[in-house]
Amino acid sequence: MTFHTFQTIGQLQSSSVIRRHPANPLLAPKDVPYGPAMVFNAGVTKYEGKYVMVFRNDYGNAAEETIEPHSTTNLGLAYSNDGISWQVQSAPCWSWNDEEVIRVYDPRLTVIEGRCYMCFAVDTKHGLRGGIAVTEDFNSFEVLSLSVPDNRNMVLFPERIGGKYVRLERPFPVYSRGGIDRFDMWMSDSPDLAYWGGSKLVLGVEQVPFANDKVGPGAPPVKTEKGWLTTFHAVDLDPSRGKNGWEASWKKRYTSGIMLLDLEDPSRIVGMAKSPLLAPEAVYETSGGFRNDVIFPGGMILEDSGEVKIYYGAADTVECLAMAHVDDLVRLCLEGR
């Protein structure tokens, strides 16, 4: 079996077309009334005239730098009229009560044909699975499908393509890729959101100059004339990194990339920026968090004005917002900068 070698990536910076919102972090643990230690990796969409955010809560003690993630995670809910100021609901919206389920986390929201679907990750006693649920009120969720282990980071396209539902996903092929981490982005389709197949590779780690460890989906894609505008997470590993957050050791850095996928065949990349769209730079991204130097996009909204709102988790601790014009993002992908 071949084990991959890699070179460290070095310094990275965000694209000049993106700007962080001055109110960042938009959502922090102090804003949530039931006491989580971290709130991050939210799914965000527009649904029935409002912005809706379903966010991940993790629990622990930041002062003592301790956390026990398993069985201490649930999903919170917030609404907004402008996508910036959020009204957090008084209790979590979902924690799955099943003896097989350990925790549900990392929600991603997509509205398809007027219904709101949520992709999520779920730790079970027999492995990590990816799921899809549908909800009308964000208080009850009907689970439509669960993958076999190990698959996660699923996001749905907001419309059927060629008559089928389509999702991006990141399986964990440890054996076939020859090491602990070497994870890529794949695509599958479905006639009914329950049965999935037709799987194709979309993006490999080796195609991303600012990744040496893994890549995978970010926010659900949005449609433009030039293609599906699609964020992805890219991870680089540097063994020289030491304690970088609450954990005893954190050697990874997460950035966000941007690419365009073909409208009719989204397994085909039309263009991709060769540098990160967002790299950890702001203080709330690089310090004081559970895992510093982490950016993870989970929601993207294209406004009528052409502004694109990208919601992302920072340092696995807070939820933030960055913005750019859709034309600039498309040009960034097509020019490959």
Protein backbone atom coordinates (compact mmCIF):
# COMPACT_ATOMS: atom_id res chain seq x y z
CA MET A 1 0.00 0.00 0.00
CA THR A 2 1.29 3.46 -0.92
CA PHE A 3 1.31 6.06 1.82
CA HIS A 4 1.19 9.66 0.67
CA THR A 5 3.90 12.16 1.46
CA PHE A 6 3.17 15.84 1.50
CA GLN A 7 4.84 19.20 1.75
CA THR A 8 3.71 21.79 4.25
CA ILE A 9 1.72 24.62 2.70
CA GLY A 10 3.07 27.73 4.43
CA GLN A 11 1.33 31.08 4.82
CA LEU A 12 -2.09 31.61 3.23
CA GLN A 13 -4.30 34.66 2.89
CA SER A 14 -7.89 35.36 1.94
CA SER A 15 -8.91 36.59 -1.50
CA SER A 16 -9.20 40.34 -1.99
CA VAL A 17 -12.78 39.94 -3.27
CA ILE A 18 -14.11 38.73 0.09
CA ARG A 19 -14.83 40.90 3.13
CA ARG A 20 -15.71 39.88 6.65
CA HIS A 21 -18.73 41.46 8.28
CA PRO A 22 -17.74 44.02 10.93
CA ALA A 23 -20.23 42.51 13.40
CA ASN A 24 -18.39 39.17 13.45
CA PRO A 25 -18.82 36.86 15.21
CA LEU A 26 -22.54 37.01 14.43
CA LEU A 27 -23.25 34.21 16.89
CA ALA A 28 -21.16 33.24 19.91
CA PRO A 29 -21.79 31.01 22.95
CA LYS A 30 -22.80 34.04 25.02
CA ASP A 31 -25.72 34.64 22.64
CA VAL A 32 -27.28 31.22 23.29
CA PRO A 33 -29.42 30.92 26.43
CA TYR A 34 -28.74 27.24 27.22
CA GLY A 35 -25.00 27.46 27.81
CA PRO A 36 -22.97 25.81 25.06
CA ALA A 37 -19.20 26.23 24.97
CA MET A 38 -19.13 26.51 21.17
CA VAL A 39 -21.67 27.44 18.46
CA PHE A 40 -20.50 26.91 14.90
CA ASN A 41 -20.80 25.07 11.54
CA ALA A 42 -24.33 26.35 10.92
CA GLY A 43 -26.60 25.72 7.99
CA VAL A 44 -28.26 28.93 6.80
CA THR A 45 -30.96 29.51 4.20
CA LYS A 46 -33.93 31.72 3.33
CA TYR A 47 -37.23 30.02 4.02
CA GLU A 48 -40.73 31.46 4.01
CA GLY A 49 -39.52 35.06 4.03
CA LYS A 50 -36.94 34.75 6.82
CA TYR A 51 -33.31 33.82 7.21
CA VAL A 52 -33.05 30.57 9.16
CA MET A 53 -29.96 29.25 10.90
CA VAL A 54 -29.57 25.79 12.42
CA PHE A 55 -26.28 25.73 14.30
CA ARG A 56 -24.18 23.20 16.15
CA ASN A 57 -23.83 23.45 19.94
CA ASP A 58 -20.98 21.68 21.73
CA TYR A 59 -20.52 21.66 25.47
CA GLY A 60 -17.52 21.81 27.78
CA ASN A 61 -15.57 24.22 29.96
CA ALA A 62 -13.57 26.78 28.04
CA ALA A 63 -11.93 28.16 31.17
CA GLU A 64 -10.54 24.74 32.05
CA GLU A 65 -9.92 23.96 28.37
CA THR A 66 -11.84 20.73 28.59
CA ILE A 67 -14.57 19.29 26.43
CA GLU A 68 -16.17 15.90 25.98
CA PRO A 69 -17.80 16.16 22.54
CA HIS A 70 -19.58 12.81 22.45
CA SER A 71 -23.16 12.98 23.70
CA THR A 72 -22.70 16.71 24.44
CA THR A 73 -23.88 18.11 21.13
CA ASN A 74 -27.25 19.33 19.86
CA LEU A 75 -28.66 21.68 17.22
CA GLY A 76 -29.83 25.22 17.91
CA LEU A 77 -32.18 27.44 15.93
CA ALA A 78 -32.17 31.15 15.13
CA TYR A 79 -34.13 33.48 12.85
CA SER A 80 -33.22 36.79 11.25
CA ASN A 81 -34.85 39.48 9.12
CA ASP A 82 -31.59 40.68 7.58
CA GLY A 83 -29.17 37.76 7.86
CA ILE A 84 -27.00 39.68 10.34
CA SER A 85 -28.90 40.09 13.63
CA TRP A 86 -30.20 36.77 14.92
CA GLN A 87 -32.92 35.85 17.39
CA VAL A 88 -31.88 32.60 19.04
CA GLN A 89 -34.69 30.33 20.12
CA SER A 90 -34.93 29.40 23.79
CA ALA A 91 -34.15 25.69 23.41
CA PRO A 92 -32.32 23.40 21.00
CA CYS A 93 -34.39 22.36 18.00
CA TRP A 94 -33.21 18.76 17.65
CA SER A 95 -31.31 16.06 19.49
CA TRP A 96 -32.10 12.59 18.24
CA ASN A 97 -33.31 10.22 20.94
CA ASP A 98 -32.26 6.76 19.76
CA GLU A 99 -30.12 4.23 21.59
CA GLU A 100 -27.96 3.80 18.48
CA VAL A 101 -27.34 7.57 18.07
CA ILE A 102 -24.59 9.34 20.00
CA ARG A 103 -24.97 12.83 18.56
CA VAL A 104 -26.21 14.79 15.52
CA TYR A 105 -24.18 17.75 14.24
CA ASP A 106 -22.98 19.92 11.32
CA PRO A 107 -26.36 20.80 9.74
CA ARG A 108 -26.65 22.08 6.14
CA LEU A 109 -29.93 23.59 4.91
CA THR A 110 -31.26 23.56 1.34
CA VAL A 111 -34.70 24.60 0.09
CA ILE A 112 -35.89 22.44 -2.83
CA GLU A 113 -39.30 22.99 -4.43
CA GLY A 114 -40.52 24.89 -1.37
CA ARG A 115 -39.45 22.32 1.25
CA CYS A 116 -36.48 22.69 3.60
CA TYR A 117 -34.05 19.78 3.76
CA MET A 118 -31.26 19.35 6.27
CA CYS A 119 -28.15 17.29 5.71
CA PHE A 120 -26.34 16.32 8.89
CA ALA A 121 -23.66 14.10 10.37
CA VAL A 122 -24.55 11.55 13.01
CA ASP A 123 -22.21 9.60 15.25
CA THR A 124 -23.64 6.18 15.99
CA LYS A 125 -22.43 3.20 17.99
CA HIS A 126 -21.53 1.54 14.69
CA GLY A 127 -19.86 4.42 12.88
CA LEU A 128 -20.24 7.93 11.53
CA ARG A 129 -23.09 8.33 9.04
CA GLY A 130 -24.48 11.10 6.87
CA GLY A 131 -28.18 11.82 6.86
CA ILE A 132 -30.89 13.85 5.14
CA ALA A 133 -34.04 15.06 6.88
CA VAL A 134 -36.92 17.32 5.91
CA THR A 135 -38.71 19.81 8.14
CA GLU A 136 -41.52 22.33 7.87
CA ASP A 137 -41.19 23.97 11.28
CA PHE A 138 -37.61 23.19 12.51
CA ASN A 139 -39.11 21.51 15.55
CA SER A 140 -39.72 18.11 14.01
CA PHE A 141 -37.52 16.40 11.42
CA GLU A 142 -38.36 13.43 9.22
CA VAL A 143 -35.22 11.45 8.41
CA LEU A 144 -35.29 10.39 4.75
CA SER A 145 -31.97 8.60 4.41
CA LEU A 146 -28.83 7.57 6.26
CA SER A 147 -25.60 6.46 4.62
CA VAL A 148 -23.51 3.52 5.69
CA PRO A 149 -20.33 4.45 7.58
CA ASP A 150 -18.24 6.40 6.82
CA ASN A 151 -19.61 9.43 4.96
CA ARG A 152 -20.37 13.01 5.97
CA ASN A 153 -20.28 16.72 4.99
CA MET A 154 -23.23 16.16 2.66
CA VAL A 155 -24.87 19.12 0.91
CA LEU A 156 -27.82 19.12 -1.49
CA PHE A 157 -28.11 21.13 -4.69
CA PRO A 158 -31.18 23.41 -4.55
CA GLU A 159 -32.91 21.84 -7.56
CA ARG A 160 -33.03 18.56 -9.41
CA ILE A 161 -30.45 18.10 -12.15
CA GLY A 162 -31.39 15.83 -15.02
CA GLY A 163 -34.50 14.89 -13.06
CA LYS A 164 -32.52 13.69 -10.03
CA TYR A 165 -31.59 15.07 -6.64
CA VAL A 166 -27.84 15.59 -6.32
CA ARG A 167 -25.57 15.87 -3.31
CA LEU A 168 -21.89 16.48 -2.66
CA GLU A 169 -20.27 14.36 0.05
CA ARG A 170 -16.97 13.36 1.63
CA PRO A 171 -16.48 9.66 2.32
CA PHE A 172 -13.57 8.37 4.44
CA PRO A 173 -11.62 5.90 2.24
CA VAL A 174 -8.82 5.21 4.71
CA TYR A 175 -7.71 1.88 3.23
CA SER A 176 -7.99 2.68 -0.46
CA ARG A 177 -6.28 6.07 -0.16
CA GLY A 178 -3.36 4.64 1.78
CA GLY A 179 -3.34 6.55 5.05
CA ILE A 180 -5.32 7.99 7.93
CA ASP A 181 -6.39 11.16 6.06
CA ARG A 182 -6.66 11.53 2.31
CA PHE A 183 -10.28 12.45 1.76
CA ASP A 184 -11.83 13.86 -1.41
CA MET A 185 -15.14 15.36 -2.56
CA TRP A 186 -17.62 13.07 -4.32
CA MET A 187 -21.09 13.42 -5.84
CA SER A 188 -24.09 11.08 -5.79
CA ASP A 189 -27.63 11.31 -7.15
CA SER A 190 -31.03 10.01 -6.17
CA PRO A 191 -34.52 9.70 -7.65
CA ASP A 192 -36.22 10.26 -4.29
CA LEU A 193 -33.71 11.48 -1.63
CA ALA A 194 -33.74 8.02 -0.06
CA TYR A 195 -31.73 5.79 -2.42
CA TRP A 196 -28.37 7.13 -3.59
CA GLY A 197 -25.98 6.01 -6.32
CA GLY A 198 -24.25 7.14 -9.51
CA SER A 199 -21.31 8.26 -7.40
CA LYS A 200 -18.48 10.21 -9.07
CA LEU A 201 -15.30 11.88 -7.88
CA VAL A 202 -15.55 15.68 -8.10
CA LEU A 203 -12.42 17.06 -6.44
CA GLY A 204 -9.28 15.32 -5.18
CA VAL A 205 -6.85 16.65 -2.58
CA GLU A 206 -4.09 16.75 -5.19
CA GLN A 207 -6.09 19.27 -7.27
CA VAL A 208 -6.05 21.91 -4.51
CA PRO A 209 -2.73 23.75 -4.07
CA PHE A 210 -3.60 24.84 -0.52
CA ALA A 211 -4.53 21.36 0.78
CA ASN A 212 -2.33 18.41 1.67
CA ASP A 213 -4.71 16.45 3.91
CA LYS A 214 -8.34 16.49 2.77
CA VAL A 215 -11.02 18.42 0.90
CA GLY A 216 -14.80 18.25 1.04
CA PRO A 217 -18.07 20.13 0.62
CA GLY A 218 -18.76 23.44 2.33
CA ALA A 219 -22.06 25.25 1.86
CA PRO A 220 -24.80 24.01 -0.49
CA PRO A 221 -24.10 25.39 -4.00
CA VAL A 222 -25.95 28.34 -5.54
CA LYS A 223 -26.88 28.64 -9.20
CA THR A 224 -25.32 31.25 -11.51
CA GLU A 225 -25.36 31.63 -15.29
CA LYS A 226 -21.80 30.29 -15.47
CA GLY A 227 -22.28 27.28 -13.22
CA TRP A 228 -22.96 26.10 -9.69
CA LEU A 229 -20.99 28.37 -7.36
CA THR A 230 -19.61 25.96 -4.78
CA THR A 231 -17.52 26.42 -1.65
CA PHE A 232 -15.37 23.64 -0.26
CA HIS A 233 -13.25 23.11 2.81
CA ALA A 234 -9.54 22.44 2.35
CA VAL A 235 -7.27 21.13 5.09
CA ASP A 236 -3.51 21.31 5.40
CA LEU A 237 -1.50 19.48 8.02
CA ASP A 238 1.78 20.69 9.51
CA PRO A 239 3.38 18.35 12.07
CA SER A 240 5.35 21.27 13.54
CA ARG A 241 2.20 22.92 14.86
CA GLY A 242 1.66 22.38 18.54
CA LYS A 243 -1.05 23.42 20.97
CA ASN A 244 -3.37 25.67 18.98
CA GLY A 245 -6.59 25.91 20.94
CA TRP A 246 -8.11 24.08 23.87
CA GLU A 247 -6.82 20.73 22.72
CA ALA A 248 -3.41 19.42 23.70
CA SER A 249 -2.37 19.40 20.04
CA TRP A 250 -3.98 20.71 16.85
CA LYS A 251 -1.85 20.45 13.72
CA LYS A 252 -4.42 21.22 11.01
CA ARG A 253 -5.63 24.41 9.33
CA TYR A 254 -8.99 24.67 7.57
CA THR A 255 -9.55 27.15 4.74
CA SER A 256 -12.40 27.69 2.29
CA GLY A 257 -12.03 27.38 -1.46
CA ILE A 258 -14.42 28.33 -4.26
CA MET A 259 -15.18 26.68 -7.59
CA LEU A 260 -17.77 26.51 -10.37
CA LEU A 261 -19.41 23.21 -11.32
CA ASP A 262 -21.12 22.55 -14.63
CA LEU A 263 -24.87 23.25 -14.53
CA GLU A 264 -25.85 20.00 -16.24
CA ASP A 265 -23.03 17.77 -14.99
CA PRO A 266 -21.90 19.04 -11.59
CA SER A 267 -19.20 16.38 -11.37
CA ARG A 268 -17.29 18.53 -13.91
CA ILE A 269 -15.35 21.52 -12.58
CA VAL A 270 -15.72 24.56 -14.87
CA GLY A 271 -13.22 26.67 -12.93
CA MET A 272 -11.59 26.88 -9.51
CA ALA A 273 -9.65 29.53 -7.62
CA LYS A 274 -6.14 28.25 -6.98
CA SER A 275 -5.86 30.21 -3.71
CA PRO A 276 -8.20 30.20 -0.70
CA LEU A 277 -11.31 32.31 -0.71
CA LEU A 278 -11.09 32.53 3.08
CA ALA A 279 -8.05 31.71 5.20
CA PRO A 280 -7.81 32.16 9.00
CA GLU A 281 -6.67 35.74 9.66
CA ALA A 282 -9.11 37.50 12.00
CA VAL A 283 -8.55 37.18 15.73
CA TYR A 284 -11.76 35.15 16.20
CA GLU A 285 -10.43 32.67 13.62
CA THR A 286 -6.87 32.34 14.90
CA SER A 287 -7.06 32.51 18.70
CA GLY A 288 -9.18 31.72 21.74
CA GLY A 289 -11.09 28.86 20.14
CA PHE A 290 -11.46 25.13 20.63
CA ARG A 291 -9.45 24.58 17.43
CA ASN A 292 -7.79 27.71 16.12
CA ASP A 293 -7.08 28.36 12.43
CA VAL A 294 -10.33 26.79 11.29
CA ILE A 295 -12.79 28.21 8.74
CA PHE A 296 -15.70 26.02 7.65
CA PRO A 297 -18.41 27.40 5.32
CA GLY A 298 -21.87 25.95 5.91
CA GLY A 299 -24.34 28.39 4.36
CA MET A 300 -24.35 30.54 1.21
CA ILE A 301 -27.10 32.88 0.06
CA LEU A 302 -27.19 34.76 -3.25
CA GLU A 303 -29.15 37.98 -2.76
CA ASP A 304 -31.11 39.75 -5.52
CA SER A 305 -28.47 42.52 -5.41
CA GLY A 306 -25.77 40.06 -6.44
CA GLU A 307 -24.23 39.99 -2.98
CA VAL A 308 -23.27 36.53 -1.75
CA LYS A 309 -23.45 35.91 1.98
CA ILE A 310 -21.18 33.07 3.15
CA TYR A 311 -21.74 31.87 6.70
CA TYR A 312 -18.88 29.98 8.31
CA GLY A 313 -17.75 28.49 11.58
CA ALA A 314 -14.55 30.01 12.98
CA ALA A 315 -12.10 28.25 15.31
CA ASP A 316 -14.82 25.62 15.92
CA THR A 317 -16.27 28.09 18.42
CA VAL A 318 -18.27 30.93 16.79
CA GLU A 319 -20.35 31.59 13.66
CA CYS A 320 -19.35 34.34 11.24
CA LEU A 321 -20.26 35.99 7.93
CA ALA A 322 -18.23 37.01 4.89
CA MET A 323 -19.53 38.68 1.73
CA ALA A 324 -18.57 39.17 -1.90
CA HIS A 325 -20.28 40.03 -5.19
CA VAL A 326 -21.29 37.02 -7.25
CA ASP A 327 -19.57 38.40 -10.36
CA ASP A 328 -16.26 38.63 -8.48
CA LEU A 329 -16.59 35.09 -7.21
CA VAL A 330 -17.42 33.70 -10.66
CA ARG A 331 -14.50 35.61 -12.19
CA LEU A 332 -12.18 34.29 -9.46
CA CYS A 333 -13.13 30.73 -10.42
CA LEU A 334 -12.90 31.20 -14.18
CA GLU A 335 -9.58 33.00 -14.03
CA GLY A 336 -8.20 30.36 -11.65
CA ARG A 337 -6.56 32.93 -9.39
